[in-house]
Amino acid sequence: MKKITYVTSGTCSKLIELEVDDDNRISNVSFVGGCNGNLQGICSLVKGMRIEDVKSKLNGIRCGSKTTSCPDQLCRAIDQLEE
């Protein structure tokens, strides 16, 4: 099991708590701050998914005129966890 607390940048959310199991599947994820309903939905959808699949679907998503988004920041948290 790998776990990280990732400090986001450029989004309304402030932190991402992420846990990945030994099969590289997301076992738990939660956001601090941000759009509560949308982020609960993202957390529910990605739980149990392989991290490679999450990254292929969410990487590079933008929020309005911002260069990033909460889903994109989740991908960055995964990248940092894999280092």
PDB file of N, CA and C in Angstrom:
ATOM      1  N   MET A   1       0.847  -1.179   0.000  1.00  0.00           N
ATOM      2  CA  MET A   1       0.000   0.000   0.000  1.00  0.00           C
ATOM      3  C   MET A   1       0.891   1.240   0.000  1.00  0.00           C
ATOM      4  N   LYS A   2       0.581   2.173  -0.893  1.00  0.00           N
ATOM      5  CA  LYS A   2       1.290   3.451  -0.947  1.00  0.00           C
ATOM      6  C   LYS A   2       0.289   4.556  -0.627  1.00  0.00           C
ATOM      7  N   LYS A   3       0.760   5.568   0.073  1.00  0.00           N
ATOM      8  CA  LYS A   3      -0.112   6.664   0.488  1.00  0.00           C
ATOM      9  C   LYS A   3       0.619   7.984   0.323  1.00  0.00           C
ATOM     10  N   ILE A   4      -0.132   9.015  -0.091  1.00  0.00           N
ATOM     11  CA  ILE A   4       0.457  10.341  -0.251  1.00  0.00           C
ATOM     12  C   ILE A   4      -0.587  11.401   0.110  1.00  0.00           C
ATOM     13  N   THR A   5      -0.101  12.491   0.665  1.00  0.00           N
ATOM     14  CA  THR A   5      -0.894  13.707   0.803  1.00  0.00           C
ATOM     15  C   THR A   5      -0.267  14.703  -0.154  1.00  0.00           C
ATOM     16  N   TYR A   6      -1.024  15.076  -1.170  1.00  0.00           N
ATOM     17  CA  TYR A   6      -0.510  15.924  -2.237  1.00  0.00           C
ATOM     18  C   TYR A   6      -1.109  17.323  -2.103  1.00  0.00           C
ATOM     19  N   VAL A   7      -0.252  18.339  -2.085  1.00  0.00           N
ATOM     20  CA  VAL A   7      -0.692  19.731  -2.039  1.00  0.00           C
ATOM     21  C   VAL A   7      -0.941  20.182  -3.476  1.00  0.00           C
ATOM     22  N   THR A   8      -2.192  20.532  -3.761  1.00  0.00           N
ATOM     23  CA  THR A   8      -2.563  20.917  -5.124  1.00  0.00           C
ATOM     24  C   THR A   8      -2.092  22.333  -5.440  1.00  0.00           C
ATOM     25  N   SER A   9      -2.110  22.639  -6.728  1.00  0.00           N
ATOM     26  CA  SER A   9      -1.706  23.962  -7.195  1.00  0.00           C
ATOM     27  C   SER A   9      -2.627  24.376  -8.344  1.00  0.00           C
ATOM     28  N   GLY A  10      -3.146  25.592  -8.275  1.00  0.00           N
ATOM     29  CA  GLY A  10      -3.952  26.120  -9.367  1.00  0.00           C
ATOM     30  C   GLY A  10      -5.408  25.680  -9.352  1.00  0.00           C
ATOM     31  N   THR A  11      -5.868  25.100  -8.243  1.00  0.00           N
ATOM     32  CA  THR A  11      -7.259  24.654  -8.150  1.00  0.00           C
ATOM     33  C   THR A  11      -7.880  25.145  -6.849  1.00  0.00           C
ATOM     34  N   CYS A  12      -9.193  25.014  -6.756  1.00  0.00           N
ATOM     35  CA  CYS A  12      -9.901  25.383  -5.526  1.00  0.00           C
ATOM     36  C   CYS A  12      -9.611  24.395  -4.408  1.00  0.00           C
ATOM     37  N   SER A  13      -9.392  23.128  -4.751  1.00  0.00           N
ATOM     38  CA  SER A  13      -9.029  22.155  -3.724  1.00  0.00           C
ATOM     39  C   SER A  13      -7.614  22.454  -3.234  1.00  0.00           C
ATOM     40  N   LYS A  14      -7.347  22.083  -1.998  1.00  0.00           N
ATOM     41  CA  LYS A  14      -6.051  22.382  -1.385  1.00  0.00           C
ATOM     42  C   LYS A  14      -5.164  21.159  -1.234  1.00  0.00           C
ATOM     43  N   LEU A  15      -5.776  19.993  -0.982  1.00  0.00           N
ATOM     44  CA  LEU A  15      -5.029  18.754  -0.755  1.00  0.00           C
ATOM     45  C   LEU A  15      -5.749  17.576  -1.383  1.00  0.00           C
ATOM     46  N   ILE A  16      -4.957  16.554  -1.720  1.00  0.00           N
ATOM     47  CA  ILE A  16      -5.509  15.267  -2.135  1.00  0.00           C
ATOM     48  C   ILE A  16      -4.869  14.200  -1.260  1.00  0.00           C
ATOM     49  N   GLU A  17      -5.696  13.397  -0.628  1.00  0.00           N
ATOM     50  CA  GLU A  17      -5.246  12.221   0.122  1.00  0.00           C
ATOM     51  C   GLU A  17      -5.462  11.026  -0.797  1.00  0.00           C
ATOM     52  N   LEU A  18      -4.404  10.285  -1.084  1.00  0.00           N
ATOM     53  CA  LEU A  18      -4.469   9.200  -2.057  1.00  0.00           C
ATOM     54  C   LEU A  18      -3.813   7.950  -1.502  1.00  0.00           C
ATOM     55  N   GLU A  19      -4.510   6.822  -1.639  1.00  0.00           N
ATOM     56  CA  GLU A  19      -3.965   5.516  -1.274  1.00  0.00           C
ATOM     57  C   GLU A  19      -4.101   4.585  -2.468  1.00  0.00           C
ATOM     58  N   VAL A  20      -3.007   3.879  -2.773  1.00  0.00           N
ATOM     59  CA  VAL A  20      -2.973   2.929  -3.883  1.00  0.00           C
ATOM     60  C   VAL A  20      -2.545   1.580  -3.326  1.00  0.00           C
ATOM     61  N   ASP A  21      -3.269   0.523  -3.704  1.00  0.00           N
ATOM     62  CA  ASP A  21      -2.947  -0.806  -3.180  1.00  0.00           C
ATOM     63  C   ASP A  21      -1.784  -1.431  -3.946  1.00  0.00           C
ATOM     64  N   ASP A  22      -1.425  -2.639  -3.571  1.00  0.00           N
ATOM     65  CA  ASP A  22      -0.270  -3.310  -4.171  1.00  0.00           C
ATOM     66  C   ASP A  22      -0.500  -3.714  -5.626  1.00  0.00           C
ATOM     67  N   ASP A  23      -1.754  -3.686  -6.089  1.00  0.00           N
ATOM     68  CA  ASP A  23      -2.078  -3.982  -7.495  1.00  0.00           C
ATOM     69  C   ASP A  23      -2.196  -2.707  -8.323  1.00  0.00           C
ATOM     70  N   ASN A  24      -1.724  -1.579  -7.772  1.00  0.00           N
ATOM     71  CA  ASN A  24      -1.787  -0.268  -8.437  1.00  0.00           C
ATOM     72  C   ASN A  24      -3.213   0.169  -8.739  1.00  0.00           C
ATOM     73  N   ARG A  25      -4.115  -0.133  -7.814  1.00  0.00           N
ATOM     74  CA  ARG A  25      -5.497   0.327  -7.905  1.00  0.00           C
ATOM     75  C   ARG A  25      -5.751   1.328  -6.786  1.00  0.00           C
ATOM     76  N   ILE A  26      -6.540   2.340  -7.087  1.00  0.00           N
ATOM     77  CA  ILE A  26      -6.860   3.348  -6.083  1.00  0.00           C
ATOM     78  C   ILE A  26      -7.790   2.723  -5.055  1.00  0.00           C
ATOM     79  N   SER A  27      -7.331   2.693  -3.815  1.00  0.00           N
ATOM     80  CA  SER A  27      -8.153   2.128  -2.748  1.00  0.00           C
ATOM     81  C   SER A  27      -8.898   3.220  -1.984  1.00  0.00           C
ATOM     82  N   ASN A  28      -8.355   4.441  -1.984  1.00  0.00           N
ATOM     83  CA  ASN A  28      -9.030   5.553  -1.319  1.00  0.00           C
ATOM     84  C   ASN A  28      -8.485   6.861  -1.877  1.00  0.00           C
ATOM     85  N   VAL A  29      -9.371   7.807  -2.082  1.00  0.00           N
ATOM     86  CA  VAL A  29      -8.954   9.147  -2.497  1.00  0.00           C
ATOM     87  C   VAL A  29      -9.967  10.142  -1.949  1.00  0.00           C
ATOM     88  N   SER A  30      -9.451  11.278  -1.468  1.00  0.00           N
ATOM     89  CA  SER A  30     -10.330  12.348  -1.009  1.00  0.00           C
ATOM     90  C   SER A  30      -9.645  13.682  -1.258  1.00  0.00           C
ATOM     91  N   PHE A  31     -10.461  14.689  -1.480  1.00  0.00           N
ATOM     92  CA  PHE A  31      -9.984  16.046  -1.717  1.00  0.00           C
ATOM     93  C   PHE A  31     -10.371  16.915  -0.533  1.00  0.00           C
ATOM     94  N   VAL A  32      -9.534  17.885  -0.208  1.00  0.00           N
ATOM     95  CA  VAL A  32      -9.845  18.893   0.797  1.00  0.00           C
ATOM     96  C   VAL A  32     -10.072  20.195   0.052  1.00  0.00           C
ATOM     97  N   GLY A  33     -11.259  20.772   0.214  1.00  0.00           N
ATOM     98  CA  GLY A  33     -11.624  21.983  -0.516  1.00  0.00           C
ATOM     99  C   GLY A  33     -12.173  21.627  -1.888  1.00  0.00           C
ATOM    100  N   GLY A  34     -12.484  22.633  -2.646  1.00  0.00           N
ATOM    101  CA  GLY A  34     -12.995  22.421  -3.992  1.00  0.00           C
ATOM    102  C   GLY A  34     -14.501  22.225  -4.035  1.00  0.00           C
ATOM    103  N   CYS A  35     -14.993  21.807  -5.174  1.00  0.00           N
ATOM    104  CA  CYS A  35     -16.426  21.596  -5.418  1.00  0.00           C
ATOM    105  C   CYS A  35     -16.834  20.240  -4.866  1.00  0.00           C
ATOM    106  N   ASN A  36     -17.405  20.233  -3.688  1.00  0.00           N
ATOM    107  CA  ASN A  36     -17.646  19.016  -2.932  1.00  0.00           C
ATOM    108  C   ASN A  36     -18.371  17.933  -3.732  1.00  0.00           C
ATOM    109  N   GLY A  37     -19.472  18.258  -4.353  1.00  0.00           N
ATOM    110  CA  GLY A  37     -20.246  17.249  -5.089  1.00  0.00           C
ATOM    111  C   GLY A  37     -19.467  16.646  -6.242  1.00  0.00           C
ATOM    112  N   ASN A  38     -18.838  17.487  -7.034  1.00  0.00           N
ATOM    113  CA  ASN A  38     -18.055  16.992  -8.171  1.00  0.00           C
ATOM    114  C   ASN A  38     -16.898  16.121  -7.706  1.00  0.00           C
ATOM    115  N   LEU A  39     -16.227  16.539  -6.657  1.00  0.00           N
ATOM    116  CA  LEU A  39     -15.071  15.787  -6.183  1.00  0.00           C
ATOM    117  C   LEU A  39     -15.481  14.476  -5.536  1.00  0.00           C
ATOM    118  N   GLN A  40     -16.629  14.445  -4.869  1.00  0.00           N
ATOM    119  CA  GLN A  40     -17.129  13.174  -4.354  1.00  0.00           C
ATOM    120  C   GLN A  40     -17.404  12.215  -5.506  1.00  0.00           C
ATOM    121  N   GLY A  41     -17.946  12.759  -6.586  1.00  0.00           N
ATOM    122  CA  GLY A  41     -18.205  11.937  -7.767  1.00  0.00           C
ATOM    123  C   GLY A  41     -16.931  11.378  -8.370  1.00  0.00           C
ATOM    124  N   ILE A  42     -15.914  12.213  -8.504  1.00  0.00           N
ATOM    125  CA  ILE A  42     -14.628  11.756  -9.039  1.00  0.00           C
ATOM    126  C   ILE A  42     -14.054  10.659  -8.149  1.00  0.00           C
ATOM    127  N   CYS A  43     -14.078  10.889  -6.840  1.00  0.00           N
ATOM    128  CA  CYS A  43     -13.534   9.897  -5.896  1.00  0.00           C
ATOM    129  C   CYS A  43     -14.262   8.567  -6.025  1.00  0.00           C
ATOM    130  N   SER A  44     -15.565   8.615  -6.138  1.00  0.00           N
ATOM    131  CA  SER A  44     -16.354   7.396  -6.266  1.00  0.00           C
ATOM    132  C   SER A  44     -16.048   6.675  -7.575  1.00  0.00           C
ATOM    133  N   LEU A  45     -15.897   7.423  -8.653  1.00  0.00           N
ATOM    134  CA  LEU A  45     -15.642   6.814  -9.960  1.00  0.00           C
ATOM    135  C   LEU A  45     -14.258   6.177 -10.061  1.00  0.00           C
ATOM    136  N   VAL A  46     -13.246   6.797  -9.478  1.00  0.00           N
ATOM    137  CA  VAL A  46     -11.883   6.274  -9.636  1.00  0.00           C
ATOM    138  C   VAL A  46     -11.528   5.187  -8.625  1.00  0.00           C
ATOM    139  N   LYS A  47     -12.304   5.064  -7.554  1.00  0.00           N
ATOM    140  CA  LYS A  47     -12.008   4.046  -6.548  1.00  0.00           C
ATOM    141  C   LYS A  47     -12.066   2.661  -7.186  1.00  0.00           C
ATOM    142  N   GLY A  48     -10.987   1.907  -7.001  1.00  0.00           N
ATOM    143  CA  GLY A  48     -10.874   0.572  -7.585  1.00  0.00           C
ATOM    144  C   GLY A  48     -10.252   0.542  -8.974  1.00  0.00           C
ATOM    145  N   MET A  49     -10.078   1.717  -9.586  1.00  0.00           N
ATOM    146  CA  MET A  49      -9.475   1.778 -10.926  1.00  0.00           C
ATOM    147  C   MET A  49      -7.958   1.664 -10.850  1.00  0.00           C
ATOM    148  N   ARG A  50      -7.379   1.124 -11.907  1.00  0.00           N
ATOM    149  CA  ARG A  50      -5.921   1.103 -12.028  1.00  0.00           C
ATOM    150  C   ARG A  50      -5.430   2.520 -12.250  1.00  0.00           C
ATOM    151  N   ILE A  51      -4.292   2.849 -11.638  1.00  0.00           N
ATOM    152  CA  ILE A  51      -3.802   4.219 -11.754  1.00  0.00           C
ATOM    153  C   ILE A  51      -3.482   4.601 -13.197  1.00  0.00           C
ATOM    154  N   GLU A  52      -3.063   3.648 -14.009  1.00  0.00           N
ATOM    155  CA  GLU A  52      -2.777   3.936 -15.419  1.00  0.00           C
ATOM    156  C   GLU A  52      -4.047   4.363 -16.145  1.00  0.00           C
ATOM    157  N   ASP A  53      -5.173   3.719 -15.815  1.00  0.00           N
ATOM    158  CA  ASP A  53      -6.446   4.054 -16.454  1.00  0.00           C
ATOM    159  C   ASP A  53      -6.933   5.432 -16.013  1.00  0.00           C
ATOM    160  N   VAL A  54      -6.748   5.742 -14.730  1.00  0.00           N
ATOM    161  CA  VAL A  54      -7.131   7.066 -14.220  1.00  0.00           C
ATOM    162  C   VAL A  54      -6.333   8.135 -14.948  1.00  0.00           C
ATOM    163  N   LYS A  55      -5.032   7.938 -15.058  1.00  0.00           N
ATOM    164  CA  LYS A  55      -4.186   8.920 -15.723  1.00  0.00           C
ATOM    165  C   LYS A  55      -4.551   9.087 -17.190  1.00  0.00           C
ATOM    166  N   SER A  56      -4.876   7.994 -17.880  1.00  0.00           N
ATOM    167  CA  SER A  56      -5.200   8.104 -19.304  1.00  0.00           C
ATOM    168  C   SER A  56      -6.520   8.847 -19.522  1.00  0.00           C
ATOM    169  N   LYS A  57      -7.419   8.808 -18.557  1.00  0.00           N
ATOM    170  CA  LYS A  57      -8.714   9.474 -18.701  1.00  0.00           C
ATOM    171  C   LYS A  57      -8.718  10.916 -18.189  1.00  0.00           C
ATOM    172  N   LEU A  58      -7.926  11.220 -17.169  1.00  0.00           N
ATOM    173  CA  LEU A  58      -8.044  12.515 -16.496  1.00  0.00           C
ATOM    174  C   LEU A  58      -6.883  13.470 -16.718  1.00  0.00           C
ATOM    175  N   ASN A  59      -5.750  12.978 -17.192  1.00  0.00           N
ATOM    176  CA  ASN A  59      -4.577  13.824 -17.359  1.00  0.00           C
ATOM    177  C   ASN A  59      -4.835  14.948 -18.363  1.00  0.00           C
ATOM    178  N   GLY A  60      -4.488  16.155 -17.967  1.00  0.00           N
ATOM    179  CA  GLY A  60      -4.573  17.302 -18.866  1.00  0.00           C
ATOM    180  C   GLY A  60      -5.914  18.007 -18.891  1.00  0.00           C
ATOM    181  N   ILE A  61      -6.901  17.536 -18.140  1.00  0.00           N
ATOM    182  CA  ILE A  61      -8.196  18.218 -18.092  1.00  0.00           C
ATOM    183  C   ILE A  61      -7.998  19.594 -17.477  1.00  0.00           C
ATOM    184  N   ARG A  62      -8.658  20.579 -18.077  1.00  0.00           N
ATOM    185  CA  ARG A  62      -8.551  21.953 -17.594  1.00  0.00           C
ATOM    186  C   ARG A  62      -9.878  22.385 -16.989  1.00  0.00           C
ATOM    187  N   CYS A  63      -9.815  23.327 -16.066  1.00  0.00           N
ATOM    188  CA  CYS A  63     -11.008  23.891 -15.436  1.00  0.00           C
ATOM    189  C   CYS A  63     -11.143  25.337 -15.909  1.00  0.00           C
ATOM    190  N   GLY A  64     -12.075  25.572 -16.806  1.00  0.00           N
ATOM    191  CA  GLY A  64     -12.248  26.922 -17.350  1.00  0.00           C
ATOM    192  C   GLY A  64     -10.975  27.408 -18.003  1.00  0.00           C
ATOM    193  N   SER A  65     -10.540  28.595 -17.619  1.00  0.00           N
ATOM    194  CA  SER A  65      -9.320  29.169 -18.207  1.00  0.00           C
ATOM    195  C   SER A  65      -8.052  28.741 -17.466  1.00  0.00           C
ATOM    196  N   LYS A  66      -8.205  27.952 -16.411  1.00  0.00           N
ATOM    197  CA  LYS A  66      -7.036  27.475 -15.663  1.00  0.00           C
ATOM    198  C   LYS A  66      -6.273  26.435 -16.484  1.00  0.00           C
ATOM    199  N   THR A  67      -5.004  26.294 -16.201  1.00  0.00           N
ATOM    200  CA  THR A  67      -4.176  25.329 -16.936  1.00  0.00           C
ATOM    201  C   THR A  67      -4.255  23.926 -16.347  1.00  0.00           C
ATOM    202  N   THR A  68      -5.017  23.758 -15.271  1.00  0.00           N
ATOM    203  CA  THR A  68      -5.137  22.473 -14.599  1.00  0.00           C
ATOM    204  C   THR A  68      -6.550  22.344 -14.047  1.00  0.00           C
ATOM    205  N   SER A  69      -6.813  21.248 -13.353  1.00  0.00           N
ATOM    206  CA  SER A  69      -8.109  20.995 -12.725  1.00  0.00           C
ATOM    207  C   SER A  69      -7.884  20.012 -11.589  1.00  0.00           C
ATOM    208  N   CYS A  70      -8.922  19.760 -10.821  1.00  0.00           N
ATOM    209  CA  CYS A  70      -8.789  18.763  -9.743  1.00  0.00           C
ATOM    210  C   CYS A  70      -8.487  17.371 -10.306  1.00  0.00           C
ATOM    211  N   PRO A  71      -9.163  16.938 -11.393  1.00  0.00           N
ATOM    212  CA  PRO A  71      -8.795  15.638 -11.959  1.00  0.00           C
ATOM    213  C   PRO A  71      -7.335  15.603 -12.442  1.00  0.00           C
ATOM    214  N   ASP A  72      -6.874  16.683 -13.055  1.00  0.00           N
ATOM    215  CA  ASP A  72      -5.485  16.756 -13.508  1.00  0.00           C
ATOM    216  C   ASP A  72      -4.531  16.727 -12.321  1.00  0.00           C
ATOM    217  N   GLN A  73      -4.889  17.398 -11.236  1.00  0.00           N
ATOM    218  CA  GLN A  73      -4.057  17.385 -10.040  1.00  0.00           C
ATOM    219  C   GLN A  73      -4.001  15.985  -9.429  1.00  0.00           C
ATOM    220  N   LEU A  74      -5.077  15.211  -9.545  1.00  0.00           N
ATOM    221  CA  LEU A  74      -5.052  13.822  -9.095  1.00  0.00           C
ATOM    222  C   LEU A  74      -4.009  13.038  -9.876  1.00  0.00           C
ATOM    223  N   CYS A  75      -3.914  13.279 -11.168  1.00  0.00           N
ATOM    224  CA  CYS A  75      -2.898  12.610 -11.981  1.00  0.00           C
ATOM    225  C   CYS A  75      -1.491  13.009 -11.528  1.00  0.00           C
ATOM    226  N   ARG A  76      -1.310  14.260 -11.187  1.00  0.00           N
ATOM    227  CA  ARG A  76       0.001  14.706 -10.695  1.00  0.00           C
ATOM    228  C   ARG A  76       0.334  14.066  -9.350  1.00  0.00           C
ATOM    229  N   ALA A  77      -0.690  13.870  -8.509  1.00  0.00           N
ATOM    230  CA  ALA A  77      -0.480  13.182  -7.232  1.00  0.00           C
ATOM    231  C   ALA A  77      -0.045  11.743  -7.492  1.00  0.00           C
ATOM    232  N   ILE A  78      -0.678  11.093  -8.477  1.00  0.00           N
ATOM    233  CA  ILE A  78      -0.298   9.715  -8.836  1.00  0.00           C
ATOM    234  C   ILE A  78       1.147   9.685  -9.314  1.00  0.00           C
ATOM    235  N   ASP A  79       1.512  10.661 -10.167  1.00  0.00           N
ATOM    236  CA  ASP A  79       2.891  10.733 -10.660  1.00  0.00           C
ATOM    237  C   ASP A  79       3.882  10.836  -9.496  1.00  0.00           C
ATOM    238  N   GLN A  80       3.571  11.689  -8.535  1.00  0.00           N
ATOM    239  CA  GLN A  80       4.465  11.877  -7.396  1.00  0.00           C
ATOM    240  C   GLN A  80       4.530  10.597  -6.546  1.00  0.00           C
ATOM    241  N   LEU A  81       3.426   9.919  -6.421  1.00  0.00           N
ATOM    242  CA  LEU A  81       3.384   8.678  -5.656  1.00  0.00           C
ATOM    243  C   LEU A  81       4.254   7.604  -6.310  1.00  0.00           C
ATOM    244  N   GLU A  82       4.314   7.614  -7.642  1.00  0.00           N
ATOM    245  CA  GLU A  82       5.071   6.594  -8.371  1.00  0.00           C
ATOM    246  C   GLU A  82       6.585   6.846  -8.326  1.00  0.00           C
ATOM    247  N   GLU A  83       7.004   8.047  -7.968  1.00  0.00           N
ATOM    248  CA  GLU A  83       8.442   8.372  -7.949  1.00  0.00           C
ATOM    249  C   GLU A  83       9.194   7.568  -6.923  1.00  0.00           C
TER     250      GLU A  83
END
